[in-house]
Amino acid sequence: MSAYRNVLAGLIGGSVGTLAMGQYWTRVAPLVEGRSEEGGDQQKEPKKDEHSISVIGQQHQPGESSTAAIGRVAYEKTEGHAPGRQTRAALSEAVHWGMGIGSGALYGALAGRGNPVKGAAFGVGLWALVDEGIVPLLGLQDGPAGTPAKGHANRLGAHLTYGLALGVTALLIDALLPED
């Protein structure tokens, strides 16, 4: 299979993986956290990260996701002021989808032919390297000690879901595409 086909399958797989990850956060994460969808457990007011491992200081605001922080910081750097609530939400989604699709393309380039096991391993690798390493080092989310074990488990589950969907989709796309 050509590199072009691998990257194309990865792009499409990354899109499906991102969609699957979103479903994980909506349907499974509340169960892991022990909250109902109606918000059974009352959320505590977010506070400043006291467990930061960032080399450049806390960049995220209390309670803000890493994708929302990236979108907000980029917006503030380019526009010179904070985005409104709806713009923040749109920027967070754009960053989330951009990272998911871009990571899928990287998977296609590195992994070659789609494979659910390779996809799952790639998702776990993204979780370990990016979500547990680079993101807190850049101050885009709380340091590891600032997140309860259930939070780490949920992020691992979300990335595993992403990787499985990516690998399965890339395998199916490869089967559907005509040979070079």
Protein backbone atom coordinates (compact mmCIF):
# COMPACT_ATOMS: atom_id res chain seq x y z
CA MET A 1 0.00 0.00 0.00
CA SER A 2 1.40 3.42 -0.92
CA ALA A 3 2.19 6.12 1.61
CA TYR A 4 -0.61 8.21 0.08
CA ARG A 5 -3.16 5.46 0.70
CA ASN A 6 -1.89 4.96 4.27
CA VAL A 7 -2.19 8.66 5.07
CA LEU A 8 -5.64 8.88 3.44
CA ALA A 9 -6.83 5.86 5.43
CA GLY A 10 -5.34 7.46 8.55
CA LEU A 11 -7.09 10.78 7.89
CA ILE A 12 -10.45 9.08 7.54
CA GLY A 13 -9.68 6.81 10.50
CA GLY A 14 -8.69 9.83 12.57
CA SER A 15 -12.06 11.42 11.82
CA VAL A 16 -13.95 8.31 12.91
CA GLY A 17 -11.66 7.94 15.92
CA THR A 18 -12.35 11.52 16.98
CA LEU A 19 -16.09 10.90 16.67
CA ALA A 20 -15.75 7.70 18.74
CA MET A 21 -13.72 9.57 21.37
CA GLY A 22 -16.47 12.16 21.63
CA GLN A 23 -18.99 9.39 22.22
CA TYR A 24 -16.74 7.94 24.92
CA TRP A 25 -16.71 11.30 26.73
CA THR A 26 -20.50 11.59 26.45
CA ARG A 27 -21.53 8.04 27.28
CA VAL A 28 -18.76 6.23 29.18
CA ALA A 29 -16.80 8.91 31.04
CA PRO A 30 -19.71 9.87 33.34
CA LEU A 31 -20.00 6.21 34.38
CA VAL A 32 -16.29 5.98 35.18
CA GLU A 33 -16.43 9.24 37.12
CA GLY A 34 -19.49 8.03 39.02
CA ARG A 35 -21.76 10.84 37.82
CA SER A 36 -25.08 10.56 36.08
CA GLU A 37 -25.69 12.53 32.91
CA GLU A 38 -27.96 14.78 34.94
CA GLY A 39 -24.94 15.73 37.05
CA GLY A 40 -25.57 13.52 40.10
CA ASP A 41 -22.39 14.47 41.91
CA GLN A 42 -21.99 18.20 42.32
CA GLN A 43 -18.81 19.45 40.68
CA LYS A 44 -16.46 21.39 42.92
CA GLU A 45 -15.49 24.86 41.76
CA PRO A 46 -12.31 24.52 39.66
CA LYS A 47 -9.21 26.06 41.21
CA LYS A 48 -5.66 26.95 40.27
CA ASP A 49 -3.41 23.96 39.57
CA GLU A 50 -1.25 23.40 42.64
CA HIS A 51 0.42 20.34 41.08
CA SER A 52 1.75 21.96 37.93
CA ILE A 53 4.74 20.41 36.21
CA SER A 54 4.75 23.04 33.49
CA VAL A 55 8.04 24.53 32.42
CA ILE A 56 6.26 27.70 31.27
CA GLY A 57 3.56 28.07 33.93
CA GLN A 58 -0.15 27.34 33.94
CA GLN A 59 -1.65 28.25 30.58
CA HIS A 60 -5.11 26.73 31.14
CA GLN A 61 -7.75 28.39 33.21
CA PRO A 62 -9.27 26.46 36.12
CA GLY A 63 -11.72 23.88 34.75
CA GLU A 64 -10.65 24.48 31.13
CA SER A 65 -9.80 21.50 28.91
CA SER A 66 -6.47 21.36 27.10
CA THR A 67 -8.13 21.78 23.70
CA ALA A 68 -10.05 24.81 24.95
CA ALA A 69 -6.83 26.26 26.39
CA ILE A 70 -4.96 25.82 23.09
CA GLY A 71 -7.79 27.48 21.15
CA ARG A 72 -8.14 30.33 23.65
CA VAL A 73 -4.39 31.03 23.86
CA ALA A 74 -4.03 31.02 20.05
CA TYR A 75 -7.01 33.35 19.74
CA GLU A 76 -5.68 35.74 22.39
CA LYS A 77 -2.24 35.81 20.70
CA THR A 78 -3.71 36.63 17.29
CA GLU A 79 -6.64 38.86 18.27
CA GLY A 80 -5.27 40.55 21.39
CA HIS A 81 -8.32 39.77 23.54
CA ALA A 82 -10.17 36.77 24.97
CA PRO A 83 -12.74 34.99 22.80
CA GLY A 84 -16.42 34.91 23.73
CA ARG A 85 -18.07 31.77 25.10
CA GLN A 86 -19.34 30.48 21.74
CA THR A 87 -16.02 31.18 20.03
CA ARG A 88 -14.20 29.35 22.84
CA ALA A 89 -16.41 26.30 22.33
CA ALA A 90 -15.87 26.37 18.56
CA LEU A 91 -12.10 26.76 18.97
CA SER A 92 -11.97 23.84 21.42
CA GLU A 93 -13.85 21.63 18.94
CA ALA A 94 -11.60 22.76 16.07
CA VAL A 95 -8.47 21.91 18.06
CA HIS A 96 -9.95 18.55 19.11
CA TRP A 97 -10.85 17.59 15.54
CA GLY A 98 -7.60 18.96 14.10
CA MET A 99 -5.55 16.93 16.57
CA GLY A 100 -7.62 13.80 15.96
CA ILE A 101 -7.47 13.99 12.17
CA GLY A 102 -3.81 15.04 12.13
CA SER A 103 -2.89 12.22 14.51
CA GLY A 104 -4.76 9.82 12.23
CA ALA A 105 -2.65 10.96 9.28
CA LEU A 106 0.49 10.44 11.38
CA TYR A 107 -0.75 6.95 12.29
CA GLY A 108 -1.25 6.16 8.60
CA ALA A 109 2.23 7.39 7.73
CA LEU A 110 3.91 5.49 10.59
CA ALA A 111 1.84 2.32 10.91
CA GLY A 112 1.19 1.55 7.27
CA ARG A 113 -1.76 -0.78 6.80
CA GLY A 114 -4.63 -0.22 9.25
CA ASN A 115 -4.80 -2.62 12.18
CA PRO A 116 -6.96 -2.46 15.33
CA VAL A 117 -4.09 -3.58 17.60
CA LYS A 118 -1.70 -1.01 16.12
CA GLY A 119 -4.46 1.59 16.39
CA ALA A 120 -5.08 0.79 20.05
CA ALA A 121 -1.34 0.96 20.76
CA PHE A 122 -1.15 4.29 18.92
CA GLY A 123 -4.04 5.66 21.02
CA VAL A 124 -2.36 4.55 24.25
CA GLY A 125 0.90 6.09 23.02
CA LEU A 126 -0.86 9.40 22.35
CA TRP A 127 -2.34 9.29 25.84
CA ALA A 128 1.02 8.59 27.49
CA LEU A 129 3.19 10.94 25.43
CA VAL A 130 0.85 13.83 24.67
CA ASP A 131 -1.96 13.77 27.23
CA GLU A 132 0.07 12.68 30.26
CA GLY A 133 3.38 14.28 29.21
CA ILE A 134 3.52 17.16 26.76
CA VAL A 135 0.16 18.75 27.61
CA PRO A 136 0.87 19.12 31.36
CA LEU A 137 4.48 20.16 30.67
CA LEU A 138 3.09 23.02 28.56
CA GLY A 139 0.66 23.97 31.32
CA LEU A 140 -2.39 23.12 29.20
CA GLN A 141 -3.93 20.92 31.91
CA ASP A 142 -3.29 20.14 35.56
CA GLY A 143 -0.18 18.19 36.45
CA PRO A 144 -0.59 14.44 36.95
CA ALA A 145 -1.01 14.75 40.73
CA GLY A 146 -3.77 17.32 40.21
CA THR A 147 -6.04 14.82 38.48
CA PRO A 148 -7.81 11.97 40.31
CA ALA A 149 -7.10 8.40 39.15
CA LYS A 150 -10.56 8.24 37.53
CA GLY A 151 -9.62 11.23 35.37
CA HIS A 152 -6.46 9.51 34.15
CA ALA A 153 -8.45 6.32 33.53
CA ASN A 154 -11.03 8.25 31.52
CA ARG A 155 -8.41 9.94 29.37
CA LEU A 156 -6.76 6.55 28.76
CA GLY A 157 -10.16 5.05 27.87
CA ALA A 158 -10.93 7.91 25.50
CA HIS A 159 -7.57 7.52 23.71
CA LEU A 160 -7.92 3.74 23.56
CA THR A 161 -11.38 4.20 22.01
CA TYR A 162 -9.89 6.68 19.52
CA GLY A 163 -7.09 4.28 18.59
CA LEU A 164 -9.34 1.27 18.14
CA ALA A 165 -11.75 3.21 15.93
CA LEU A 166 -8.80 4.64 13.98
CA GLY A 167 -7.22 1.21 13.40
CA VAL A 168 -10.47 -0.50 12.40
CA THR A 169 -11.49 2.34 10.08
CA ALA A 170 -8.06 2.52 8.43
CA LEU A 171 -8.22 -1.25 7.83
CA LEU A 172 -11.70 -0.95 6.27
CA ILE A 173 -10.68 2.03 4.12
CA ASP A 174 -7.65 0.10 2.89
CA ALA A 175 -9.92 -2.77 1.87
CA LEU A 176 -12.26 -0.39 0.02
CA LEU A 177 -9.63 1.60 -1.88
CA PRO A 178 -8.55 0.27 -5.26
CA GLU A 179 -5.00 -1.05 -5.50
CA ASP A 180 -2.35 1.35 -6.85
